[in-house]
Amino acid sequence: MLLDQPGVDKWNAWLQLVGVAANVEKSGPVIIDPNVRVQSAIDGHGFVLGNRLLQPEMESHKLIEPFGIKLEGYGYYLVFSESAVKKKAFKAFHQWIVQEASHWRLDQRQETKKR
């Protein structure tokens, strides 16, 4: 994960949205400059939470949005370069986040049925 500046971290909110405990320890470089952070993702160095200003990078496939999960009110998307898909760390993260999201959706359905 490519992190925002300390204290302005939206990862907790995004992880909570997909059903992952917000207190998950996040590791990765803190890159304050958003342009450098986005370029780092394009270069395959990690994942960023981005917004619709990254639309040109997504349309040109420099970054992709694999989950379609948006952090409402912020416009953040989880995006990364297609070259990242080939990395073991990406595959592990992808498998983990998809599994966590599916557990969360199942829990949400069960909660809805109880009501």
C-alpha atoms as a PDB file:
ATOM      1  CA  MET A   1       0.000   0.000   0.000  1.00  0.00           C
ATOM      2  CA  LEU A   2       1.257   3.443  -0.871  1.00  0.00           C
ATOM      3  CA  LEU A   3       0.164   5.548   2.060  1.00  0.00           C
ATOM      4  CA  ASP A   4      -0.931   9.175   2.279  1.00  0.00           C
ATOM      5  CA  GLN A   5       0.645  11.549   4.721  1.00  0.00           C
ATOM      6  CA  PRO A   6       0.305  10.545   8.369  1.00  0.00           C
ATOM      7  CA  GLY A   7      -3.081  11.541   9.780  1.00  0.00           C
ATOM      8  CA  VAL A   8      -4.764  11.746   6.359  1.00  0.00           C
ATOM      9  CA  ASP A   9      -5.006   8.036   5.718  1.00  0.00           C
ATOM     10  CA  LYS A  10      -8.184   6.941   3.917  1.00  0.00           C
ATOM     11  CA  TRP A  11      -7.110   3.287   3.845  1.00  0.00           C
ATOM     12  CA  ASN A  12      -8.923   2.586   7.125  1.00  0.00           C
ATOM     13  CA  ALA A  13     -12.209   3.814   5.650  1.00  0.00           C
ATOM     14  CA  TRP A  14     -11.694   1.880   2.396  1.00  0.00           C
ATOM     15  CA  LEU A  15     -10.746  -1.318   4.226  1.00  0.00           C
ATOM     16  CA  GLN A  16     -13.768  -0.930   6.492  1.00  0.00           C
ATOM     17  CA  LEU A  17     -15.981  -0.512   3.415  1.00  0.00           C
ATOM     18  CA  VAL A  18     -14.834  -3.890   2.075  1.00  0.00           C
ATOM     19  CA  GLY A  19     -15.249  -5.506   5.480  1.00  0.00           C
ATOM     20  CA  VAL A  20     -11.665  -5.631   6.684  1.00  0.00           C
ATOM     21  CA  ALA A  21     -10.904  -4.558  10.235  1.00  0.00           C
ATOM     22  CA  ALA A  22      -9.756  -0.951  10.177  1.00  0.00           C
ATOM     23  CA  ASN A  23      -6.998  -1.697  12.643  1.00  0.00           C
ATOM     24  CA  VAL A  24      -5.110  -3.847  10.122  1.00  0.00           C
ATOM     25  CA  GLU A  25      -1.467  -2.867  10.200  1.00  0.00           C
ATOM     26  CA  LYS A  26      -0.667  -1.132   6.973  1.00  0.00           C
ATOM     27  CA  SER A  27       2.856  -1.013   5.681  1.00  0.00           C
ATOM     28  CA  GLY A  28       4.340   0.747   2.761  1.00  0.00           C
ATOM     29  CA  PRO A  29       6.036   3.990   1.997  1.00  0.00           C
ATOM     30  CA  VAL A  30       4.370   7.225   3.049  1.00  0.00           C
ATOM     31  CA  ILE A  31       4.410   9.409  -0.054  1.00  0.00           C
ATOM     32  CA  ILE A  32       3.029  12.843   0.696  1.00  0.00           C
ATOM     33  CA  ASP A  33       3.098  14.143  -2.887  1.00  0.00           C
ATOM     34  CA  PRO A  34       0.044  12.675  -4.658  1.00  0.00           C
ATOM     35  CA  ASN A  35       1.733  12.892  -8.066  1.00  0.00           C
ATOM     36  CA  VAL A  36       4.698  10.855  -6.860  1.00  0.00           C
ATOM     37  CA  ARG A  37       2.330   8.395  -5.149  1.00  0.00           C
ATOM     38  CA  VAL A  38       0.344   7.890  -8.363  1.00  0.00           C
ATOM     39  CA  GLN A  39       3.495   7.556 -10.451  1.00  0.00           C
ATOM     40  CA  SER A  40       4.753   4.950  -7.985  1.00  0.00           C
ATOM     41  CA  ALA A  41       1.572   2.934  -8.577  1.00  0.00           C
ATOM     42  CA  ILE A  42       1.941   3.333 -12.354  1.00  0.00           C
ATOM     43  CA  ASP A  43       5.513   2.056 -12.004  1.00  0.00           C
ATOM     44  CA  GLY A  44       4.174  -1.028 -10.196  1.00  0.00           C
ATOM     45  CA  HIS A  45       5.406  -0.187  -6.685  1.00  0.00           C
ATOM     46  CA  GLY A  46       2.098  -0.579  -4.883  1.00  0.00           C
ATOM     47  CA  PHE A  47      -1.561   0.304  -4.615  1.00  0.00           C
ATOM     48  CA  VAL A  48      -3.033   3.764  -4.167  1.00  0.00           C
ATOM     49  CA  LEU A  49      -6.413   5.129  -3.336  1.00  0.00           C
ATOM     50  CA  GLY A  50      -7.184   7.556  -6.103  1.00  0.00           C
ATOM     51  CA  ASN A  51     -10.060   9.646  -7.358  1.00  0.00           C
ATOM     52  CA  ARG A  52     -11.639  10.512 -10.675  1.00  0.00           C
ATOM     53  CA  LEU A  53      -8.683  12.725 -11.530  1.00  0.00           C
ATOM     54  CA  LEU A  54      -6.975   9.436 -12.385  1.00  0.00           C
ATOM     55  CA  GLN A  55      -9.537   8.720 -15.123  1.00  0.00           C
ATOM     56  CA  PRO A  56      -7.037   9.380 -17.959  1.00  0.00           C
ATOM     57  CA  GLU A  57      -4.589   6.901 -16.392  1.00  0.00           C
ATOM     58  CA  MET A  58      -7.388   4.342 -16.083  1.00  0.00           C
ATOM     59  CA  GLU A  59      -8.622   4.920 -19.644  1.00  0.00           C
ATOM     60  CA  SER A  60      -5.088   4.436 -20.959  1.00  0.00           C
ATOM     61  CA  HIS A  61      -4.732   1.308 -18.763  1.00  0.00           C
ATOM     62  CA  LYS A  62      -1.772   2.740 -16.870  1.00  0.00           C
ATOM     63  CA  LEU A  63      -3.882   2.048 -13.779  1.00  0.00           C
ATOM     64  CA  ILE A  64      -6.822  -0.290 -13.345  1.00  0.00           C
ATOM     65  CA  GLU A  65      -9.661  -0.362 -10.841  1.00  0.00           C
ATOM     66  CA  PRO A  66     -10.177  -4.049 -10.093  1.00  0.00           C
ATOM     67  CA  PHE A  67     -12.937  -4.034  -7.511  1.00  0.00           C
ATOM     68  CA  GLY A  68     -15.411  -1.283  -8.385  1.00  0.00           C
ATOM     69  CA  ILE A  69     -15.580  -0.356  -4.706  1.00  0.00           C
ATOM     70  CA  LYS A  70     -15.646   3.384  -4.161  1.00  0.00           C
ATOM     71  CA  LEU A  71     -15.166   5.264  -0.930  1.00  0.00           C
ATOM     72  CA  GLU A  72     -18.230   7.506  -1.101  1.00  0.00           C
ATOM     73  CA  GLY A  73     -17.714  11.140  -0.327  1.00  0.00           C
ATOM     74  CA  TYR A  74     -14.065  10.945  -1.278  1.00  0.00           C
ATOM     75  CA  GLY A  75     -14.117   9.409  -4.746  1.00  0.00           C
ATOM     76  CA  TYR A  76     -11.256   7.055  -3.931  1.00  0.00           C
ATOM     77  CA  TYR A  77     -10.675   3.927  -5.974  1.00  0.00           C
ATOM     78  CA  LEU A  78      -8.131   1.173  -5.447  1.00  0.00           C
ATOM     79  CA  VAL A  79      -5.938   1.269  -8.558  1.00  0.00           C
ATOM     80  CA  PHE A  80      -2.645  -0.238  -9.653  1.00  0.00           C
ATOM     81  CA  SER A  81      -0.649  -0.904 -12.795  1.00  0.00           C
ATOM     82  CA  GLU A  82      -1.267  -3.963 -14.946  1.00  0.00           C
ATOM     83  CA  SER A  83       2.374  -4.948 -14.410  1.00  0.00           C
ATOM     84  CA  ALA A  84       1.665  -5.266 -10.674  1.00  0.00           C
ATOM     85  CA  VAL A  85      -0.695  -8.163 -11.458  1.00  0.00           C
ATOM     86  CA  LYS A  86       2.320 -10.369 -12.191  1.00  0.00           C
ATOM     87  CA  LYS A  87       3.899  -9.833  -8.769  1.00  0.00           C
ATOM     88  CA  LYS A  88       3.501 -12.361  -5.965  1.00  0.00           C
ATOM     89  CA  ALA A  89       2.717  -9.596  -3.465  1.00  0.00           C
ATOM     90  CA  PHE A  90      -0.119  -8.364  -5.676  1.00  0.00           C
ATOM     91  CA  LYS A  91      -1.560 -11.846  -6.045  1.00  0.00           C
ATOM     92  CA  ALA A  92      -1.466 -12.344  -2.276  1.00  0.00           C
ATOM     93  CA  PHE A  93      -3.061  -8.936  -1.621  1.00  0.00           C
ATOM     94  CA  HIS A  94      -5.708  -9.487  -4.294  1.00  0.00           C
ATOM     95  CA  GLN A  95      -6.602 -12.920  -2.942  1.00  0.00           C
ATOM     96  CA  TRP A  96      -6.756 -11.562   0.606  1.00  0.00           C
ATOM     97  CA  ILE A  97      -8.867  -8.489  -0.171  1.00  0.00           C
ATOM     98  CA  VAL A  98     -11.325 -10.458  -2.354  1.00  0.00           C
ATOM     99  CA  GLN A  99     -11.697 -13.080   0.373  1.00  0.00           C
ATOM    100  CA  GLU A 100     -12.224 -10.415   3.035  1.00  0.00           C
ATOM    101  CA  ALA A 101     -14.772  -8.599   0.882  1.00  0.00           C
ATOM    102  CA  SER A 102     -16.715 -11.818   0.197  1.00  0.00           C
ATOM    103  CA  HIS A 103     -16.830 -12.580   3.940  1.00  0.00           C
ATOM    104  CA  TRP A 104     -18.087  -9.059   4.592  1.00  0.00           C
ATOM    105  CA  ARG A 105     -20.800  -9.357   1.925  1.00  0.00           C
ATOM    106  CA  LEU A 106     -21.911 -12.695   3.379  1.00  0.00           C
ATOM    107  CA  ASP A 107     -22.045 -11.165   6.866  1.00  0.00           C
ATOM    108  CA  GLN A 108     -24.046  -8.215   5.502  1.00  0.00           C
ATOM    109  CA  ARG A 109     -26.590 -10.584   3.895  1.00  0.00           C
ATOM    110  CA  GLN A 110     -26.952 -12.548   7.122  1.00  0.00           C
ATOM    111  CA  GLU A 111     -27.454  -9.321   9.094  1.00  0.00           C
ATOM    112  CA  THR A 112     -30.140  -8.218   6.608  1.00  0.00           C
ATOM    113  CA  LYS A 113     -31.972 -11.558   6.972  1.00  0.00           C
ATOM    114  CA  LYS A 114     -32.007 -11.194  10.770  1.00  0.00           C
ATOM    115  CA  ARG A 115     -33.810  -7.869  10.536  1.00  0.00           C
END
